[in-house]
């Protein structure tokens, strides 16, 4: 008999270890999924703000163009 009797692993330890690793991995993947969902929602919010800014700039440019056309239009 080699080694100590206290070092022997109980029967079925490999299955329990595998189950524990699977549960830990499931928790980790769940955390990653929640983080990705949060990041995606933040990106969607930024995208909406960016488009609103683009539309605002276009509206200002169009307003200035219309005002300049009205200034030089013949007054009747």
C-alpha atoms as a PDB file:
ATOM      1  CA  UNK A   1       0.000   0.000   0.000  1.00  0.00           C
ATOM      2  CA  UNK A   2       1.541   3.241  -1.157  1.00  0.00           C
ATOM      3  CA  UNK A   3       0.850   6.678   0.329  1.00  0.00           C
ATOM      4  CA  UNK A   4      -1.330   7.558   3.235  1.00  0.00           C
ATOM      5  CA  UNK A   5      -4.825   6.294   3.837  1.00  0.00           C
ATOM      6  CA  UNK A   6      -5.902   9.904   4.460  1.00  0.00           C
ATOM      7  CA  UNK A   7      -4.982  10.959   0.916  1.00  0.00           C
ATOM      8  CA  UNK A   8      -7.246   8.462  -0.785  1.00  0.00           C
ATOM      9  CA  UNK A   9     -10.097  10.015  -2.653  1.00  0.00           C
ATOM     10  CA  UNK A  10     -13.622   8.906  -1.808  1.00  0.00           C
ATOM     11  CA  UNK A  11     -15.528   6.921  -4.425  1.00  0.00           C
ATOM     12  CA  UNK A  12     -17.370   9.058  -6.923  1.00  0.00           C
ATOM     13  CA  UNK A  13     -15.211  12.151  -6.324  1.00  0.00           C
ATOM     14  CA  UNK A  14     -14.630  12.641 -10.043  1.00  0.00           C
ATOM     15  CA  UNK A  15     -18.363  12.877 -10.775  1.00  0.00           C
ATOM     16  CA  UNK A  16     -18.888  15.353  -7.942  1.00  0.00           C
ATOM     17  CA  UNK A  17     -15.948  17.423  -9.117  1.00  0.00           C
ATOM     18  CA  UNK A  18     -17.298  17.447 -12.677  1.00  0.00           C
ATOM     19  CA  UNK A  19     -20.757  18.473 -11.449  1.00  0.00           C
ATOM     20  CA  UNK A  20     -19.259  21.282  -9.386  1.00  0.00           C
ATOM     21  CA  UNK A  21     -17.202  22.504 -12.342  1.00  0.00           C
ATOM     22  CA  UNK A  22     -20.279  22.451 -14.572  1.00  0.00           C
ATOM     23  CA  UNK A  23     -22.270  24.487 -12.034  1.00  0.00           C
ATOM     24  CA  UNK A  24     -19.450  27.012 -11.700  1.00  0.00           C
ATOM     25  CA  UNK A  25     -19.166  27.322 -15.476  1.00  0.00           C
ATOM     26  CA  UNK A  26     -22.946  27.776 -15.768  1.00  0.00           C
ATOM     27  CA  UNK A  27     -22.804  30.585 -13.193  1.00  0.00           C
ATOM     28  CA  UNK A  28     -19.877  32.209 -14.984  1.00  0.00           C
ATOM     29  CA  UNK A  29     -21.620  32.032 -18.354  1.00  0.00           C
ATOM     30  CA  UNK A  30     -24.750  33.478 -16.779  1.00  0.00           C
ATOM     31  CA  UNK A  31     -22.723  36.403 -15.458  1.00  0.00           C
ATOM     32  CA  UNK A  32     -21.133  36.925 -18.867  1.00  0.00           C
ATOM     33  CA  UNK A  33     -24.565  36.860 -20.517  1.00  0.00           C
ATOM     34  CA  UNK A  34     -25.911  39.476 -18.094  1.00  0.00           C
ATOM     35  CA  UNK A  35     -22.890  41.698 -18.658  1.00  0.00           C
ATOM     36  CA  UNK A  36     -23.208  41.390 -22.432  1.00  0.00           C
ATOM     37  CA  UNK A  37     -26.911  42.248 -22.268  1.00  0.00           C
ATOM     38  CA  UNK A  38     -26.091  45.333 -20.192  1.00  0.00           C
ATOM     39  CA  UNK A  39     -23.347  46.380 -22.607  1.00  0.00           C
ATOM     40  CA  UNK A  40     -25.688  45.879 -25.562  1.00  0.00           C
ATOM     41  CA  UNK A  41     -28.372  48.036 -23.946  1.00  0.00           C
ATOM     42  CA  UNK A  42     -25.804  50.758 -23.236  1.00  0.00           C
ATOM     43  CA  UNK A  43     -24.622  50.629 -26.851  1.00  0.00           C
ATOM     44  CA  UNK A  44     -28.222  50.877 -28.093  1.00  0.00           C
ATOM     45  CA  UNK A  45     -28.736  53.968 -25.930  1.00  0.00           C
ATOM     46  CA  UNK A  46     -25.559  55.542 -27.288  1.00  0.00           C
ATOM     47  CA  UNK A  47     -26.621  54.705 -30.825  1.00  0.00           C
ATOM     48  CA  UNK A  48     -29.987  56.431 -30.314  1.00  0.00           C
ATOM     49  CA  UNK A  49     -28.258  59.515 -28.912  1.00  0.00           C
ATOM     50  CA  UNK A  50     -25.837  59.571 -31.828  1.00  0.00           C
ATOM     51  CA  UNK A  51     -28.662  59.423 -34.382  1.00  0.00           C
ATOM     52  CA  UNK A  52     -30.562  62.172 -32.558  1.00  0.00           C
ATOM     53  CA  UNK A  53     -27.422  64.310 -32.714  1.00  0.00           C
ATOM     54  CA  UNK A  54     -27.009  63.596 -36.438  1.00  0.00           C
ATOM     55  CA  UNK A  55     -30.655  64.505 -37.089  1.00  0.00           C
ATOM     56  CA  UNK A  56     -30.212  67.677 -35.049  1.00  0.00           C
ATOM     57  CA  UNK A  57     -27.167  68.744 -37.055  1.00  0.00           C
ATOM     58  CA  UNK A  58     -28.967  68.017 -40.332  1.00  0.00           C
ATOM     59  CA  UNK A  59     -31.982  70.024 -39.130  1.00  0.00           C
ATOM     60  CA  UNK A  60     -29.770  72.999 -38.256  1.00  0.00           C
ATOM     61  CA  UNK A  61     -28.040  72.870 -41.645  1.00  0.00           C
ATOM     62  CA  UNK A  62     -31.346  72.629 -43.501  1.00  0.00           C
ATOM     63  CA  UNK A  63     -32.798  75.495 -41.435  1.00  0.00           C
ATOM     64  CA  UNK A  64     -29.825  77.705 -42.256  1.00  0.00           C
ATOM     65  CA  UNK A  65     -30.078  76.781 -45.941  1.00  0.00           C
ATOM     66  CA  UNK A  66     -33.765  77.655 -46.044  1.00  0.00           C
ATOM     67  CA  UNK A  67     -33.128  80.952 -44.225  1.00  0.00           C
ATOM     68  CA  UNK A  68     -30.395  81.919 -46.651  1.00  0.00           C
ATOM     69  CA  UNK A  69     -32.644  81.078 -49.623  1.00  0.00           C
ATOM     70  CA  UNK A  70     -35.448  83.178 -48.134  1.00  0.00           C
ATOM     71  CA  UNK A  71     -33.087  86.121 -47.641  1.00  0.00           C
ATOM     72  CA  UNK A  72     -32.063  86.199 -51.286  1.00  0.00           C
ATOM     73  CA  UNK A  73     -35.492  85.381 -52.695  1.00  0.00           C
ATOM     74  CA  UNK A  74     -37.183  88.283 -54.445  1.00  0.00           C
ATOM     75  CA  UNK A  75     -39.674  90.014 -52.214  1.00  0.00           C
ATOM     76  CA  UNK A  76     -42.883  90.465 -53.974  1.00  0.00           C
END
